[in-house]
């Protein structure tokens, strides 16, 4: 008989387990798309969760065409603004910045984040391989987020030719962009966020290792061994106590259940705020999106969207929502 074996506790794919550098998630790769040119990302603020009843859009399920209960995350997506267009050129080391153009009508709140460039600073380079926009959020519009300083991020412009991307991006310069410029209901997105911070935690909670036998001397919530005699140091693969949470994580293939914008009378088409408001957030007063399932982070946390990089299921044209729960979430 062979020796007993079990998978290691705690994935090594999430090392080092330290705090994220910024509350604004970094997107390191973007997929190629066929439609466009258009924006390949957006951002919003997480309000909380609720549930809805939808007509099951999946054709091969036993409940196809029937009403089903669906958990959703409510993310407030007020319009973003484009501050600049940045151009990259590709060499043997990867992408390299080769030029950028800044808008002339920048918001005063940007001074809270960066030294303001001259109005209309920069020019379009002669050669470039990639076009991206530097966009920023408007938290001053969101009642649940107590700050005015915008969150700045880079969003890729994809689809079409490089020349078409340039014209599209320059056309957005200094203007507001909406979530509908990025995606429509029924489509998939990747959701990137910074998880809830849990501080310094022990071996058991941080890695899920087993409790030691009750006969163990003095302690049970500790690691059984720090490793072999040789090499004679403690290797980084050994589960130990330390920082848990506030890590950047990506949820792949989350479907957009509903996107709600302002109607002709400048009022939201569907009320979503539960009785008493979302816990630790309050009211939703801007356009919002309902994402199927949960997403990383706590209330008020910035959440970024991206075109899916490994989509396996098909998009649908639309999802029929028949009921939205606005029952109180206080004490949940």
C-alpha atoms as a PDB file:
ATOM      1  CA  UNK A   1       0.000   0.000   0.000  1.00  0.00           C
ATOM      2  CA  UNK A   2       1.164   3.492  -0.801  1.00  0.00           C
ATOM      3  CA  UNK A   3       1.341   6.261   1.720  1.00  0.00           C
ATOM      4  CA  UNK A   4      -1.770   8.323   2.312  1.00  0.00           C
ATOM      5  CA  UNK A   5      -1.923  11.498   0.234  1.00  0.00           C
ATOM      6  CA  UNK A   6      -4.150  14.527   0.114  1.00  0.00           C
ATOM      7  CA  UNK A   7      -4.091  17.748  -1.931  1.00  0.00           C
ATOM      8  CA  UNK A   8      -2.228  20.607  -0.284  1.00  0.00           C
ATOM      9  CA  UNK A   9      -4.279  23.084   1.747  1.00  0.00           C
ATOM     10  CA  UNK A  10      -4.489  26.499   0.102  1.00  0.00           C
ATOM     11  CA  UNK A  11      -3.755  27.095  -3.555  1.00  0.00           C
ATOM     12  CA  UNK A  12      -0.282  28.330  -4.479  1.00  0.00           C
ATOM     13  CA  UNK A  13      -1.841  30.206  -7.391  1.00  0.00           C
ATOM     14  CA  UNK A  14      -2.739  33.034  -5.036  1.00  0.00           C
ATOM     15  CA  UNK A  15       0.715  33.910  -3.711  1.00  0.00           C
ATOM     16  CA  UNK A  16       1.880  36.174  -2.199  1.00  0.00           C
ATOM     17  CA  UNK A  17      -1.156  36.669   0.029  1.00  0.00           C
ATOM     18  CA  UNK A  18      -0.562  40.300   0.798  1.00  0.00           C
ATOM     19  CA  UNK A  19      -2.779  43.348   0.549  1.00  0.00           C
ATOM     20  CA  UNK A  20      -3.546  44.729  -2.908  1.00  0.00           C
ATOM     21  CA  UNK A  21      -1.525  47.830  -3.824  1.00  0.00           C
ATOM     22  CA  UNK A  22      -4.632  49.772  -4.785  1.00  0.00           C
ATOM     23  CA  UNK A  23      -8.384  49.530  -4.388  1.00  0.00           C
ATOM     24  CA  UNK A  24      -8.564  50.032  -8.190  1.00  0.00           C
ATOM     25  CA  UNK A  25      -8.004  46.560  -9.716  1.00  0.00           C
ATOM     26  CA  UNK A  26      -5.308  46.141 -12.353  1.00  0.00           C
ATOM     27  CA  UNK A  27      -6.275  44.480 -15.638  1.00  0.00           C
ATOM     28  CA  UNK A  28      -3.182  42.917 -17.179  1.00  0.00           C
ATOM     29  CA  UNK A  29      -4.676  41.354 -20.319  1.00  0.00           C
ATOM     30  CA  UNK A  30      -7.491  42.120 -22.737  1.00  0.00           C
ATOM     31  CA  UNK A  31      -9.090  39.727 -25.246  1.00  0.00           C
ATOM     32  CA  UNK A  32      -9.370  40.428 -28.958  1.00  0.00           C
ATOM     33  CA  UNK A  33     -12.935  41.100 -30.166  1.00  0.00           C
ATOM     34  CA  UNK A  34     -14.598  41.076 -33.585  1.00  0.00           C
ATOM     35  CA  UNK A  35     -17.263  43.761 -33.131  1.00  0.00           C
ATOM     36  CA  UNK A  36     -16.363  47.380 -32.664  1.00  0.00           C
ATOM     37  CA  UNK A  37     -14.555  49.600 -32.339  1.00  0.00           C
ATOM     38  CA  UNK A  38     -15.821  49.917 -28.772  1.00  0.00           C
ATOM     39  CA  UNK A  39     -14.724  50.046 -25.142  1.00  0.00           C
ATOM     40  CA  UNK A  40     -13.727  46.722 -23.601  1.00  0.00           C
ATOM     41  CA  UNK A  41     -14.299  47.644 -19.976  1.00  0.00           C
ATOM     42  CA  UNK A  42     -16.205  49.740 -17.448  1.00  0.00           C
ATOM     43  CA  UNK A  43     -16.388  50.282 -13.684  1.00  0.00           C
ATOM     44  CA  UNK A  44     -18.997  50.726 -10.965  1.00  0.00           C
ATOM     45  CA  UNK A  45     -19.571  50.615  -7.220  1.00  0.00           C
ATOM     46  CA  UNK A  46     -20.976  47.557  -5.466  1.00  0.00           C
ATOM     47  CA  UNK A  47     -24.219  48.309  -3.597  1.00  0.00           C
ATOM     48  CA  UNK A  48     -25.201  44.844  -2.347  1.00  0.00           C
ATOM     49  CA  UNK A  49     -27.208  41.760  -3.288  1.00  0.00           C
ATOM     50  CA  UNK A  50     -30.860  40.924  -3.800  1.00  0.00           C
ATOM     51  CA  UNK A  51     -32.829  38.329  -5.730  1.00  0.00           C
ATOM     52  CA  UNK A  52     -35.024  38.443  -8.817  1.00  0.00           C
ATOM     53  CA  UNK A  53     -37.325  36.106 -10.703  1.00  0.00           C
ATOM     54  CA  UNK A  54     -36.347  35.597 -14.331  1.00  0.00           C
ATOM     55  CA  UNK A  55     -37.657  33.479 -17.181  1.00  0.00           C
ATOM     56  CA  UNK A  56     -35.048  30.720 -17.531  1.00  0.00           C
ATOM     57  CA  UNK A  57     -33.045  31.588 -20.662  1.00  0.00           C
ATOM     58  CA  UNK A  58     -31.173  28.248 -20.758  1.00  0.00           C
ATOM     59  CA  UNK A  59     -32.673  26.078 -23.501  1.00  0.00           C
ATOM     60  CA  UNK A  60     -31.614  22.625 -22.271  1.00  0.00           C
ATOM     61  CA  UNK A  61     -32.588  22.857 -18.603  1.00  0.00           C
ATOM     62  CA  UNK A  62     -35.648  21.239 -17.037  1.00  0.00           C
ATOM     63  CA  UNK A  63     -36.933  24.723 -16.159  1.00  0.00           C
ATOM     64  CA  UNK A  64     -36.415  26.283 -19.616  1.00  0.00           C
ATOM     65  CA  UNK A  65     -39.000  29.016 -20.189  1.00  0.00           C
ATOM     66  CA  UNK A  66     -40.216  28.929 -16.574  1.00  0.00           C
ATOM     67  CA  UNK A  67     -39.737  31.451 -13.787  1.00  0.00           C
ATOM     68  CA  UNK A  68     -36.698  30.754 -11.632  1.00  0.00           C
ATOM     69  CA  UNK A  69     -35.204  32.411  -8.532  1.00  0.00           C
ATOM     70  CA  UNK A  70     -31.927  34.151  -9.332  1.00  0.00           C
ATOM     71  CA  UNK A  71     -29.462  35.802  -6.908  1.00  0.00           C
ATOM     72  CA  UNK A  72     -27.989  39.031  -8.288  1.00  0.00           C
ATOM     73  CA  UNK A  73     -25.440  41.645  -7.256  1.00  0.00           C
ATOM     74  CA  UNK A  74     -26.439  45.287  -7.701  1.00  0.00           C
ATOM     75  CA  UNK A  75     -23.612  47.464  -9.021  1.00  0.00           C
ATOM     76  CA  UNK A  76     -24.201  51.186  -9.501  1.00  0.00           C
ATOM     77  CA  UNK A  77     -22.650  52.343 -12.787  1.00  0.00           C
ATOM     78  CA  UNK A  78     -22.848  56.150 -13.111  1.00  0.00           C
ATOM     79  CA  UNK A  79     -21.381  57.569 -16.333  1.00  0.00           C
ATOM     80  CA  UNK A  80     -17.590  57.676 -16.536  1.00  0.00           C
ATOM     81  CA  UNK A  81     -15.553  60.359 -18.291  1.00  0.00           C
ATOM     82  CA  UNK A  82     -12.643  60.041 -20.713  1.00  0.00           C
ATOM     83  CA  UNK A  83      -9.672  62.160 -19.644  1.00  0.00           C
ATOM     84  CA  UNK A  84      -7.141  61.060 -22.243  1.00  0.00           C
ATOM     85  CA  UNK A  85      -6.332  58.705 -25.094  1.00  0.00           C
ATOM     86  CA  UNK A  86      -3.070  56.765 -24.826  1.00  0.00           C
ATOM     87  CA  UNK A  87      -1.221  55.060 -27.672  1.00  0.00           C
ATOM     88  CA  UNK A  88       1.126  52.073 -27.473  1.00  0.00           C
ATOM     89  CA  UNK A  89       3.619  50.558 -29.862  1.00  0.00           C
ATOM     90  CA  UNK A  90       4.681  46.921 -29.698  1.00  0.00           C
ATOM     91  CA  UNK A  91       8.346  45.907 -29.631  1.00  0.00           C
ATOM     92  CA  UNK A  92      10.236  42.760 -28.649  1.00  0.00           C
ATOM     93  CA  UNK A  93       9.652  43.544 -24.956  1.00  0.00           C
ATOM     94  CA  UNK A  94       5.893  44.123 -25.234  1.00  0.00           C
ATOM     95  CA  UNK A  95       3.787  47.302 -25.319  1.00  0.00           C
ATOM     96  CA  UNK A  96       5.491  50.656 -24.890  1.00  0.00           C
ATOM     97  CA  UNK A  97       3.798  54.048 -24.507  1.00  0.00           C
ATOM     98  CA  UNK A  98       4.401  56.219 -27.556  1.00  0.00           C
ATOM     99  CA  UNK A  99       1.985  59.141 -27.086  1.00  0.00           C
ATOM    100  CA  UNK A 100      -1.179  60.443 -25.488  1.00  0.00           C
ATOM    101  CA  UNK A 101      -3.746  63.210 -25.907  1.00  0.00           C
ATOM    102  CA  UNK A 102      -5.539  64.851 -22.962  1.00  0.00           C
ATOM    103  CA  UNK A 103      -8.980  66.460 -22.996  1.00  0.00           C
ATOM    104  CA  UNK A 104      -9.478  70.190 -22.572  1.00  0.00           C
ATOM    105  CA  UNK A 105     -12.479  70.030 -20.216  1.00  0.00           C
ATOM    106  CA  UNK A 106     -11.139  68.023 -17.273  1.00  0.00           C
ATOM    107  CA  UNK A 107     -13.073  67.976 -13.989  1.00  0.00           C
ATOM    108  CA  UNK A 108     -11.677  69.830 -10.995  1.00  0.00           C
ATOM    109  CA  UNK A 109     -11.963  66.659  -8.884  1.00  0.00           C
ATOM    110  CA  UNK A 110      -9.084  65.152 -10.855  1.00  0.00           C
ATOM    111  CA  UNK A 111      -6.735  67.473  -8.937  1.00  0.00           C
ATOM    112  CA  UNK A 112      -7.321  65.212  -5.961  1.00  0.00           C
ATOM    113  CA  UNK A 113      -5.611  62.354  -7.821  1.00  0.00           C
ATOM    114  CA  UNK A 114      -2.959  63.816 -10.130  1.00  0.00           C
ATOM    115  CA  UNK A 115      -1.124  66.919 -11.235  1.00  0.00           C
ATOM    116  CA  UNK A 116      -3.367  68.292 -13.965  1.00  0.00           C
ATOM    117  CA  UNK A 117      -1.737  68.400 -17.416  1.00  0.00           C
ATOM    118  CA  UNK A 118      -2.171  71.368 -19.710  1.00  0.00           C
ATOM    119  CA  UNK A 119      -5.492  71.462 -21.542  1.00  0.00           C
ATOM    120  CA  UNK A 120      -5.271  69.531 -24.790  1.00  0.00           C
ATOM    121  CA  UNK A 121      -1.752  68.345 -23.945  1.00  0.00           C
ATOM    122  CA  UNK A 122      -0.115  65.794 -26.255  1.00  0.00           C
ATOM    123  CA  UNK A 123      -0.454  64.635 -29.846  1.00  0.00           C
ATOM    124  CA  UNK A 124      -1.222  61.490 -31.824  1.00  0.00           C
ATOM    125  CA  UNK A 125       1.961  59.586 -32.795  1.00  0.00           C
ATOM    126  CA  UNK A 126       2.636  58.564 -36.386  1.00  0.00           C
ATOM    127  CA  UNK A 127       2.893  54.844 -35.596  1.00  0.00           C
ATOM    128  CA  UNK A 128       0.973  52.897 -32.945  1.00  0.00           C
ATOM    129  CA  UNK A 129      -0.373  49.375 -32.436  1.00  0.00           C
ATOM    130  CA  UNK A 130      -2.741  49.756 -29.483  1.00  0.00           C
ATOM    131  CA  UNK A 131      -5.279  52.401 -28.398  1.00  0.00           C
ATOM    132  CA  UNK A 132      -6.585  52.820 -24.860  1.00  0.00           C
ATOM    133  CA  UNK A 133      -8.509  55.517 -23.016  1.00  0.00           C
ATOM    134  CA  UNK A 134      -7.763  56.881 -19.557  1.00  0.00           C
ATOM    135  CA  UNK A 135     -11.181  57.085 -17.911  1.00  0.00           C
ATOM    136  CA  UNK A 136     -12.323  58.084 -14.453  1.00  0.00           C
ATOM    137  CA  UNK A 137     -15.408  57.487 -12.327  1.00  0.00           C
ATOM    138  CA  UNK A 138     -17.669  60.126 -10.787  1.00  0.00           C
ATOM    139  CA  UNK A 139     -18.214  59.061  -7.152  1.00  0.00           C
ATOM    140  CA  UNK A 140     -19.691  62.484  -6.390  1.00  0.00           C
ATOM    141  CA  UNK A 141     -22.861  61.227  -8.125  1.00  0.00           C
ATOM    142  CA  UNK A 142     -23.090  58.156  -5.872  1.00  0.00           C
ATOM    143  CA  UNK A 143     -24.786  58.690  -2.517  1.00  0.00           C
ATOM    144  CA  UNK A 144     -23.389  55.474  -1.029  1.00  0.00           C
ATOM    145  CA  UNK A 145     -19.707  56.280  -1.682  1.00  0.00           C
ATOM    146  CA  UNK A 146     -18.437  59.008   0.672  1.00  0.00           C
ATOM    147  CA  UNK A 147     -15.727  60.566  -1.476  1.00  0.00           C
ATOM    148  CA  UNK A 148     -15.217  62.987  -4.346  1.00  0.00           C
ATOM    149  CA  UNK A 149     -11.829  61.839  -5.625  1.00  0.00           C
ATOM    150  CA  UNK A 150     -12.380  59.875  -8.856  1.00  0.00           C
ATOM    151  CA  UNK A 151     -10.900  56.442  -9.510  1.00  0.00           C
ATOM    152  CA  UNK A 152      -8.694  56.528 -12.628  1.00  0.00           C
ATOM    153  CA  UNK A 153      -8.112  53.534 -14.882  1.00  0.00           C
ATOM    154  CA  UNK A 154      -7.083  52.510 -18.377  1.00  0.00           C
ATOM    155  CA  UNK A 155      -9.608  50.826 -20.708  1.00  0.00           C
ATOM    156  CA  UNK A 156      -8.698  49.197 -23.994  1.00  0.00           C
ATOM    157  CA  UNK A 157     -10.467  50.088 -27.239  1.00  0.00           C
ATOM    158  CA  UNK A 158     -10.921  46.937 -29.321  1.00  0.00           C
ATOM    159  CA  UNK A 159     -12.456  45.814 -32.609  1.00  0.00           C
ATOM    160  CA  UNK A 160     -12.072  47.228 -36.084  1.00  0.00           C
ATOM    161  CA  UNK A 161      -8.785  48.522 -37.453  1.00  0.00           C
ATOM    162  CA  UNK A 162      -6.249  50.472 -35.418  1.00  0.00           C
ATOM    163  CA  UNK A 163      -7.173  53.613 -37.345  1.00  0.00           C
ATOM    164  CA  UNK A 164     -10.870  53.124 -36.516  1.00  0.00           C
ATOM    165  CA  UNK A 165      -9.996  52.641 -32.853  1.00  0.00           C
ATOM    166  CA  UNK A 166      -8.067  55.909 -32.855  1.00  0.00           C
ATOM    167  CA  UNK A 167     -10.972  57.864 -34.379  1.00  0.00           C
ATOM    168  CA  UNK A 168     -13.438  56.251 -31.965  1.00  0.00           C
ATOM    169  CA  UNK A 169     -11.297  57.012 -28.913  1.00  0.00           C
ATOM    170  CA  UNK A 170     -10.603  60.625 -29.936  1.00  0.00           C
ATOM    171  CA  UNK A 171     -14.359  61.063 -30.426  1.00  0.00           C
ATOM    172  CA  UNK A 172     -14.890  60.123 -26.762  1.00  0.00           C
ATOM    173  CA  UNK A 173     -12.249  62.532 -25.453  1.00  0.00           C
ATOM    174  CA  UNK A 174     -13.678  64.693 -22.679  1.00  0.00           C
ATOM    175  CA  UNK A 175     -17.140  63.097 -22.976  1.00  0.00           C
ATOM    176  CA  UNK A 176     -19.213  60.881 -20.724  1.00  0.00           C
ATOM    177  CA  UNK A 177     -19.434  57.175 -21.471  1.00  0.00           C
ATOM    178  CA  UNK A 178     -22.191  54.816 -20.307  1.00  0.00           C
ATOM    179  CA  UNK A 179     -22.259  51.143 -19.422  1.00  0.00           C
ATOM    180  CA  UNK A 180     -24.341  50.555 -22.565  1.00  0.00           C
ATOM    181  CA  UNK A 181     -21.310  51.647 -24.624  1.00  0.00           C
ATOM    182  CA  UNK A 182     -19.618  48.537 -23.244  1.00  0.00           C
ATOM    183  CA  UNK A 183     -22.194  45.728 -22.883  1.00  0.00           C
ATOM    184  CA  UNK A 184     -25.899  44.875 -23.043  1.00  0.00           C
ATOM    185  CA  UNK A 185     -28.010  42.471 -20.897  1.00  0.00           C
ATOM    186  CA  UNK A 186     -27.588  38.759 -21.587  1.00  0.00           C
ATOM    187  CA  UNK A 187     -23.854  39.082 -22.309  1.00  0.00           C
ATOM    188  CA  UNK A 188     -20.974  37.762 -20.243  1.00  0.00           C
ATOM    189  CA  UNK A 189     -18.320  39.828 -18.471  1.00  0.00           C
ATOM    190  CA  UNK A 190     -15.348  39.184 -16.237  1.00  0.00           C
ATOM    191  CA  UNK A 191     -15.670  40.976 -12.894  1.00  0.00           C
ATOM    192  CA  UNK A 192     -12.462  42.099 -11.170  1.00  0.00           C
ATOM    193  CA  UNK A 193     -12.461  43.419  -7.611  1.00  0.00           C
ATOM    194  CA  UNK A 194     -10.575  43.603  -4.335  1.00  0.00           C
ATOM    195  CA  UNK A 195     -11.965  41.123  -1.804  1.00  0.00           C
ATOM    196  CA  UNK A 196     -13.120  41.897   1.721  1.00  0.00           C
ATOM    197  CA  UNK A 197     -10.190  42.509   4.039  1.00  0.00           C
ATOM    198  CA  UNK A 198     -10.074  40.159   7.061  1.00  0.00           C
ATOM    199  CA  UNK A 199      -6.791  41.238   8.627  1.00  0.00           C
ATOM    200  CA  UNK A 200      -4.297  38.875  10.264  1.00  0.00           C
ATOM    201  CA  UNK A 201      -5.709  35.362  10.510  1.00  0.00           C
ATOM    202  CA  UNK A 202      -4.372  32.017  11.691  1.00  0.00           C
ATOM    203  CA  UNK A 203      -3.448  28.831   9.822  1.00  0.00           C
ATOM    204  CA  UNK A 204      -6.880  27.225  10.045  1.00  0.00           C
ATOM    205  CA  UNK A 205      -8.952  30.080   8.673  1.00  0.00           C
ATOM    206  CA  UNK A 206      -6.375  31.311   6.158  1.00  0.00           C
ATOM    207  CA  UNK A 207      -5.571  27.952   4.540  1.00  0.00           C
ATOM    208  CA  UNK A 208      -8.235  25.536   5.723  1.00  0.00           C
ATOM    209  CA  UNK A 209      -5.809  23.034   7.252  1.00  0.00           C
ATOM    210  CA  UNK A 210      -7.225  20.360   9.557  1.00  0.00           C
ATOM    211  CA  UNK A 211      -7.495  20.821  13.293  1.00  0.00           C
ATOM    212  CA  UNK A 212      -4.872  18.818  15.149  1.00  0.00           C
ATOM    213  CA  UNK A 213      -5.906  15.877  17.310  1.00  0.00           C
ATOM    214  CA  UNK A 214      -7.310  16.800  20.703  1.00  0.00           C
ATOM    215  CA  UNK A 215      -4.397  14.944  22.309  1.00  0.00           C
ATOM    216  CA  UNK A 216      -1.977  17.414  20.815  1.00  0.00           C
ATOM    217  CA  UNK A 217      -0.009  19.385  23.386  1.00  0.00           C
ATOM    218  CA  UNK A 218      -1.423  22.791  24.252  1.00  0.00           C
ATOM    219  CA  UNK A 219      -2.862  23.808  20.862  1.00  0.00           C
ATOM    220  CA  UNK A 220      -5.117  22.502  18.091  1.00  0.00           C
ATOM    221  CA  UNK A 221      -5.392  25.494  15.733  1.00  0.00           C
ATOM    222  CA  UNK A 222      -1.835  25.338  14.458  1.00  0.00           C
ATOM    223  CA  UNK A 223       0.138  23.710  11.659  1.00  0.00           C
ATOM    224  CA  UNK A 224       1.240  20.108  12.214  1.00  0.00           C
ATOM    225  CA  UNK A 225       4.717  20.541  10.742  1.00  0.00           C
ATOM    226  CA  UNK A 226       6.839  23.376   9.405  1.00  0.00           C
ATOM    227  CA  UNK A 227       8.385  21.055   6.805  1.00  0.00           C
ATOM    228  CA  UNK A 228      11.273  18.561   6.478  1.00  0.00           C
ATOM    229  CA  UNK A 229      14.637  18.696   8.207  1.00  0.00           C
ATOM    230  CA  UNK A 230      16.353  19.520   4.923  1.00  0.00           C
ATOM    231  CA  UNK A 231      16.352  22.065   3.437  1.00  0.00           C
ATOM    232  CA  UNK A 232      16.804  23.454   6.937  1.00  0.00           C
ATOM    233  CA  UNK A 233      14.602  26.508   6.566  1.00  0.00           C
ATOM    234  CA  UNK A 234      10.864  27.032   6.478  1.00  0.00           C
ATOM    235  CA  UNK A 235       9.707  27.120   2.881  1.00  0.00           C
ATOM    236  CA  UNK A 236       7.136  29.628   1.634  1.00  0.00           C
ATOM    237  CA  UNK A 237       4.788  26.794   0.643  1.00  0.00           C
ATOM    238  CA  UNK A 238       4.105  25.930   4.307  1.00  0.00           C
ATOM    239  CA  UNK A 239       0.702  27.320   5.395  1.00  0.00           C
ATOM    240  CA  UNK A 240       1.209  29.967   8.065  1.00  0.00           C
ATOM    241  CA  UNK A 241      -0.709  32.791   9.678  1.00  0.00           C
ATOM    242  CA  UNK A 242      -0.801  36.191   8.011  1.00  0.00           C
ATOM    243  CA  UNK A 243      -2.827  38.658   5.979  1.00  0.00           C
ATOM    244  CA  UNK A 244      -6.165  37.339   4.689  1.00  0.00           C
ATOM    245  CA  UNK A 245      -8.401  39.237   2.302  1.00  0.00           C
ATOM    246  CA  UNK A 246      -8.037  42.527   0.441  1.00  0.00           C
ATOM    247  CA  UNK A 247      -6.592  40.594  -2.493  1.00  0.00           C
ATOM    248  CA  UNK A 248      -7.387  41.193  -6.150  1.00  0.00           C
ATOM    249  CA  UNK A 249      -9.543  38.428  -7.593  1.00  0.00           C
ATOM    250  CA  UNK A 250     -11.247  37.851 -10.959  1.00  0.00           C
ATOM    251  CA  UNK A 251     -14.663  36.218 -11.353  1.00  0.00           C
ATOM    252  CA  UNK A 252     -14.873  34.816 -14.871  1.00  0.00           C
ATOM    253  CA  UNK A 253     -18.006  34.619 -17.009  1.00  0.00           C
ATOM    254  CA  UNK A 254     -20.615  36.490 -14.980  1.00  0.00           C
ATOM    255  CA  UNK A 255     -23.812  37.113 -16.940  1.00  0.00           C
ATOM    256  CA  UNK A 256     -25.490  40.525 -17.046  1.00  0.00           C
ATOM    257  CA  UNK A 257     -29.098  39.979 -16.007  1.00  0.00           C
ATOM    258  CA  UNK A 258     -30.347  43.571 -16.311  1.00  0.00           C
ATOM    259  CA  UNK A 259     -29.083  47.064 -17.062  1.00  0.00           C
ATOM    260  CA  UNK A 260     -31.284  49.977 -16.014  1.00  0.00           C
ATOM    261  CA  UNK A 261     -30.696  53.548 -17.206  1.00  0.00           C
ATOM    262  CA  UNK A 262     -32.704  56.755 -16.936  1.00  0.00           C
ATOM    263  CA  UNK A 263     -35.914  56.951 -18.951  1.00  0.00           C
ATOM    264  CA  UNK A 264     -37.365  59.861 -20.920  1.00  0.00           C
ATOM    265  CA  UNK A 265     -38.649  61.511 -17.717  1.00  0.00           C
ATOM    266  CA  UNK A 266     -35.113  61.355 -16.254  1.00  0.00           C
ATOM    267  CA  UNK A 267     -36.213  58.767 -13.669  1.00  0.00           C
ATOM    268  CA  UNK A 268     -34.891  55.256 -13.256  1.00  0.00           C
ATOM    269  CA  UNK A 269     -37.060  52.721 -15.044  1.00  0.00           C
ATOM    270  CA  UNK A 270     -37.020  50.209 -12.146  1.00  0.00           C
ATOM    271  CA  UNK A 271     -36.535  50.852  -8.448  1.00  0.00           C
ATOM    272  CA  UNK A 272     -33.949  48.573  -6.870  1.00  0.00           C
ATOM    273  CA  UNK A 273     -33.209  50.083  -3.439  1.00  0.00           C
ATOM    274  CA  UNK A 274     -34.655  47.847  -0.684  1.00  0.00           C
ATOM    275  CA  UNK A 275     -36.628  49.194   2.262  1.00  0.00           C
ATOM    276  CA  UNK A 276     -34.172  50.988   4.534  1.00  0.00           C
ATOM    277  CA  UNK A 277     -31.506  51.067   1.836  1.00  0.00           C
ATOM    278  CA  UNK A 278     -28.666  48.655   1.122  1.00  0.00           C
ATOM    279  CA  UNK A 279     -26.707  47.883   4.316  1.00  0.00           C
ATOM    280  CA  UNK A 280     -23.611  50.126   4.600  1.00  0.00           C
ATOM    281  CA  UNK A 281     -24.476  51.725   1.257  1.00  0.00           C
ATOM    282  CA  UNK A 282     -27.861  53.435   1.101  1.00  0.00           C
ATOM    283  CA  UNK A 283     -29.821  54.338  -2.019  1.00  0.00           C
ATOM    284  CA  UNK A 284     -29.076  53.625  -5.667  1.00  0.00           C
ATOM    285  CA  UNK A 285     -29.698  56.844  -7.615  1.00  0.00           C
ATOM    286  CA  UNK A 286     -27.766  56.209 -10.828  1.00  0.00           C
ATOM    287  CA  UNK A 287     -27.921  53.652 -13.635  1.00  0.00           C
ATOM    288  CA  UNK A 288     -27.186  50.192 -12.300  1.00  0.00           C
ATOM    289  CA  UNK A 289     -26.495  46.690 -13.520  1.00  0.00           C
ATOM    290  CA  UNK A 290     -27.609  43.336 -12.084  1.00  0.00           C
ATOM    291  CA  UNK A 291     -24.907  40.653 -12.250  1.00  0.00           C
ATOM    292  CA  UNK A 292     -25.842  36.972 -11.844  1.00  0.00           C
ATOM    293  CA  UNK A 293     -24.385  35.671  -8.589  1.00  0.00           C
ATOM    294  CA  UNK A 294     -21.866  37.267  -6.250  1.00  0.00           C
ATOM    295  CA  UNK A 295     -18.824  39.424  -7.005  1.00  0.00           C
ATOM    296  CA  UNK A 296     -15.674  40.130  -4.950  1.00  0.00           C
ATOM    297  CA  UNK A 297     -15.563  42.953  -2.436  1.00  0.00           C
ATOM    298  CA  UNK A 298     -17.660  44.704   0.145  1.00  0.00           C
ATOM    299  CA  UNK A 299     -20.262  47.431  -0.250  1.00  0.00           C
ATOM    300  CA  UNK A 300     -18.912  50.708  -1.704  1.00  0.00           C
ATOM    301  CA  UNK A 301     -16.022  48.773  -3.318  1.00  0.00           C
ATOM    302  CA  UNK A 302     -14.981  49.703  -6.860  1.00  0.00           C
ATOM    303  CA  UNK A 303     -15.650  46.843  -9.295  1.00  0.00           C
ATOM    304  CA  UNK A 304     -14.246  46.644 -12.820  1.00  0.00           C
ATOM    305  CA  UNK A 305     -15.764  44.849 -15.806  1.00  0.00           C
ATOM    306  CA  UNK A 306     -13.943  43.403 -18.807  1.00  0.00           C
ATOM    307  CA  UNK A 307     -14.814  41.439 -21.924  1.00  0.00           C
ATOM    308  CA  UNK A 308     -14.613  37.714 -21.025  1.00  0.00           C
ATOM    309  CA  UNK A 309     -11.230  36.155 -21.800  1.00  0.00           C
ATOM    310  CA  UNK A 310     -12.400  32.516 -21.660  1.00  0.00           C
ATOM    311  CA  UNK A 311     -16.109  32.447 -22.435  1.00  0.00           C
ATOM    312  CA  UNK A 312     -17.607  28.977 -22.963  1.00  0.00           C
ATOM    313  CA  UNK A 313     -21.393  29.554 -22.943  1.00  0.00           C
ATOM    314  CA  UNK A 314     -23.322  31.554 -25.520  1.00  0.00           C
ATOM    315  CA  UNK A 315     -24.609  35.081 -25.026  1.00  0.00           C
ATOM    316  CA  UNK A 316     -28.357  35.697 -25.147  1.00  0.00           C
ATOM    317  CA  UNK A 317     -30.133  38.720 -26.570  1.00  0.00           C
ATOM    318  CA  UNK A 318     -32.007  39.623 -23.393  1.00  0.00           C
ATOM    319  CA  UNK A 319     -33.232  38.182 -20.078  1.00  0.00           C
ATOM    320  CA  UNK A 320     -36.822  38.711 -18.972  1.00  0.00           C
ATOM    321  CA  UNK A 321     -36.989  39.839 -15.331  1.00  0.00           C
ATOM    322  CA  UNK A 322     -40.487  39.379 -13.857  1.00  0.00           C
ATOM    323  CA  UNK A 323     -39.873  40.355 -10.225  1.00  0.00           C
ATOM    324  CA  UNK A 324     -37.230  42.239  -8.234  1.00  0.00           C
ATOM    325  CA  UNK A 325     -37.058  41.870  -4.457  1.00  0.00           C
ATOM    326  CA  UNK A 326     -36.966  45.172  -2.573  1.00  0.00           C
ATOM    327  CA  UNK A 327     -37.591  43.648   0.833  1.00  0.00           C
ATOM    328  CA  UNK A 328     -35.383  45.008   3.602  1.00  0.00           C
ATOM    329  CA  UNK A 329     -31.840  43.625   3.675  1.00  0.00           C
ATOM    330  CA  UNK A 330     -31.094  45.060   7.129  1.00  0.00           C
ATOM    331  CA  UNK A 331     -29.665  42.461   9.462  1.00  0.00           C
ATOM    332  CA  UNK A 332     -28.991  39.968   6.650  1.00  0.00           C
END
